[in-house]
Amino acid sequence: MELSDLAGIVLQMSQRNNREGLSLMMIKQAAESQKQLVNMLESLTVQQTPDPRFNVSFYA
């Protein structure tokens, strides 16, 4: 094998590792975004829970 062949193989391996790293990073970012969305929805749900001390109906 010549040096240029080895360099090409190393470059291909490096690019593959970069793509895999980027894919993993994107998956982690998506998971973090979903976690933040769930937290926001939970906080909104808690805020929407009526206070049991008040017996008020908002439905007509």
N, C-alpha and C. Protein backbone atom coordinates (compact mmCIF):
# COMPACT_ATOMS: atom_id res chain seq x y z
N MET A 1 0.84 -1.19 0.00
CA MET A 1 0.00 0.00 0.00
C MET A 1 0.87 1.24 0.00
N GLU A 2 0.39 2.21 -0.69
CA GLU A 2 1.13 3.47 -0.73
C GLU A 2 0.61 4.40 0.37
N LEU A 3 1.38 5.41 0.62
CA LEU A 3 1.04 6.38 1.66
C LEU A 3 -0.28 7.08 1.35
N SER A 4 -0.53 7.38 0.09
CA SER A 4 -1.77 8.06 -0.28
C SER A 4 -2.98 7.15 -0.03
N ASP A 5 -2.82 5.84 -0.23
CA ASP A 5 -3.90 4.88 0.06
C ASP A 5 -4.22 4.88 1.56
N LEU A 6 -3.17 4.83 2.36
CA LEU A 6 -3.35 4.84 3.81
C LEU A 6 -4.00 6.14 4.26
N ALA A 7 -3.59 7.25 3.69
CA ALA A 7 -4.16 8.54 4.04
C ALA A 7 -5.65 8.58 3.69
N GLY A 8 -6.00 8.01 2.55
CA GLY A 8 -7.40 7.96 2.15
C GLY A 8 -8.24 7.13 3.09
N ILE A 9 -7.69 5.99 3.52
CA ILE A 9 -8.41 5.12 4.47
C ILE A 9 -8.60 5.83 5.80
N VAL A 10 -7.55 6.48 6.28
CA VAL A 10 -7.64 7.21 7.55
C VAL A 10 -8.67 8.33 7.45
N LEU A 11 -8.68 9.03 6.33
CA LEU A 11 -9.64 10.11 6.12
C LEU A 11 -11.07 9.58 6.14
N GLN A 12 -11.30 8.46 5.47
CA GLN A 12 -12.64 7.87 5.44
C GLN A 12 -13.08 7.45 6.84
N MET A 13 -12.18 6.86 7.60
CA MET A 13 -12.51 6.44 8.96
C MET A 13 -12.82 7.66 9.82
N SER A 14 -12.06 8.69 9.65
CA SER A 14 -12.27 9.92 10.42
C SER A 14 -13.63 10.54 10.08
N GLN A 15 -13.97 10.57 8.80
CA GLN A 15 -15.26 11.13 8.39
C GLN A 15 -16.41 10.29 8.94
N ARG A 16 -16.27 8.98 8.94
CA ARG A 16 -17.31 8.09 9.47
C ARG A 16 -17.50 8.36 10.97
N ASN A 17 -16.38 8.49 11.69
CA ASN A 17 -16.46 8.78 13.12
C ASN A 17 -17.12 10.13 13.37
N ASN A 18 -16.81 11.12 12.53
CA ASN A 18 -17.42 12.44 12.68
C ASN A 18 -18.93 12.36 12.47
N ARG A 19 -19.37 11.61 11.44
CA ARG A 19 -20.80 11.46 11.17
C ARG A 19 -21.50 10.75 12.32
N GLU A 20 -20.86 9.70 12.85
CA GLU A 20 -21.45 8.98 13.97
C GLU A 20 -21.52 9.88 15.21
N GLY A 21 -20.48 10.67 15.41
CA GLY A 21 -20.48 11.60 16.54
C GLY A 21 -21.57 12.65 16.40
N LEU A 22 -21.73 13.17 15.19
CA LEU A 22 -22.78 14.16 14.95
C LEU A 22 -24.16 13.55 15.14
N SER A 23 -24.35 12.32 14.67
CA SER A 23 -25.63 11.65 14.84
C SER A 23 -25.96 11.47 16.31
N LEU A 24 -24.97 11.04 17.08
CA LEU A 24 -25.17 10.85 18.51
C LEU A 24 -25.48 12.18 19.19
N MET A 25 -24.78 13.23 18.78
CA MET A 25 -25.02 14.55 19.36
C MET A 25 -26.44 15.02 19.04
N MET A 26 -26.90 14.78 17.81
CA MET A 26 -28.25 15.19 17.43
C MET A 26 -29.30 14.41 18.20
N ILE A 27 -29.06 13.12 18.44
CA ILE A 27 -29.99 12.32 19.24
C ILE A 27 -30.05 12.85 20.66
N LYS A 28 -28.91 13.17 21.22
CA LYS A 28 -28.88 13.72 22.59
C LYS A 28 -29.62 15.06 22.66
N GLN A 29 -29.43 15.92 21.65
CA GLN A 29 -30.12 17.20 21.63
C GLN A 29 -31.62 17.01 21.51
N ALA A 30 -32.06 16.07 20.70
CA ALA A 30 -33.49 15.80 20.54
C ALA A 30 -34.07 15.29 21.85
N ALA A 31 -33.34 14.42 22.53
CA ALA A 31 -33.82 13.90 23.81
C ALA A 31 -33.91 15.02 24.84
N GLU A 32 -32.95 15.91 24.86
CA GLU A 32 -32.98 17.04 25.80
C GLU A 32 -34.14 17.97 25.48
N SER A 33 -34.40 18.20 24.20
CA SER A 33 -35.54 19.04 23.81
C SER A 33 -36.85 18.41 24.25
N GLN A 34 -36.98 17.10 24.08
CA GLN A 34 -38.20 16.42 24.51
C GLN A 34 -38.36 16.50 26.02
N LYS A 35 -37.26 16.36 26.73
CA LYS A 35 -37.30 16.45 28.19
C LYS A 35 -37.77 17.84 28.63
N GLN A 36 -37.26 18.88 27.98
CA GLN A 36 -37.66 20.25 28.30
C GLN A 36 -39.14 20.46 27.99
N LEU A 37 -39.62 19.90 26.88
CA LEU A 37 -41.02 20.02 26.51
C LEU A 37 -41.91 19.34 27.54
N VAL A 38 -41.52 18.15 27.98
CA VAL A 38 -42.28 17.43 29.00
C VAL A 38 -42.33 18.26 30.28
N ASN A 39 -41.21 18.83 30.67
CA ASN A 39 -41.17 19.65 31.89
C ASN A 39 -42.09 20.86 31.76
N MET A 40 -42.10 21.50 30.58
CA MET A 40 -42.99 22.65 30.37
C MET A 40 -44.45 22.23 30.46
N LEU A 41 -44.79 21.11 29.82
CA LEU A 41 -46.17 20.63 29.84
C LEU A 41 -46.59 20.26 31.26
N GLU A 42 -45.68 19.65 32.01
CA GLU A 42 -46.00 19.31 33.40
C GLU A 42 -46.26 20.56 34.23
N SER A 43 -45.45 21.58 34.04
CA SER A 43 -45.64 22.80 34.81
C SER A 43 -46.94 23.49 34.42
N LEU A 44 -47.32 23.44 33.14
CA LEU A 44 -48.59 24.02 32.71
C LEU A 44 -49.76 23.24 33.29
N THR A 45 -49.63 21.93 33.33
CA THR A 45 -50.70 21.09 33.88
C THR A 45 -50.89 21.38 35.35
N VAL A 46 -49.80 21.54 36.07
CA VAL A 46 -49.89 21.85 37.50
C VAL A 46 -50.54 23.21 37.69
N GLN A 47 -50.22 24.18 36.83
CA GLN A 47 -50.80 25.52 36.94
C GLN A 47 -52.29 25.49 36.62
N GLN A 48 -52.72 24.58 35.75
CA GLN A 48 -54.12 24.53 35.33
C GLN A 48 -55.00 23.77 36.33
N THR A 49 -54.41 23.08 37.28
CA THR A 49 -55.19 22.32 38.25
C THR A 49 -55.96 23.29 39.14
N PRO A 50 -57.29 23.15 39.21
CA PRO A 50 -58.07 24.08 40.01
C PRO A 50 -57.80 23.91 41.50
N ASP A 51 -57.93 24.98 42.21
CA ASP A 51 -57.76 24.97 43.66
C ASP A 51 -59.02 24.36 44.27
N PRO A 52 -58.89 23.29 45.03
CA PRO A 52 -60.08 22.64 45.59
C PRO A 52 -60.80 23.50 46.61
N ARG A 53 -60.20 24.56 47.10
CA ARG A 53 -60.87 25.44 48.08
C ARG A 53 -61.97 26.26 47.43
N PHE A 54 -61.89 26.43 46.11
CA PHE A 54 -62.89 27.22 45.42
C PHE A 54 -63.75 26.29 44.58
N ASN A 55 -65.04 26.41 44.72
CA ASN A 55 -65.96 25.55 43.99
C ASN A 55 -66.56 26.36 42.87
N VAL A 56 -65.75 26.64 41.85
CA VAL A 56 -66.21 27.48 40.75
C VAL A 56 -66.18 26.62 39.48
N SER A 57 -67.24 26.69 38.70
CA SER A 57 -67.29 25.96 37.45
C SER A 57 -67.11 26.94 36.30
N PHE A 58 -66.25 26.60 35.36
CA PHE A 58 -66.02 27.46 34.20
C PHE A 58 -66.78 26.96 32.98
N TYR A 59 -67.57 25.94 33.15
CA TYR A 59 -68.32 25.36 32.05
C TYR A 59 -69.75 25.87 32.07
N ALA A 60 -70.27 26.23 30.92
CA ALA A 60 -71.65 26.74 30.85
C ALA A 60 -72.61 25.60 30.63
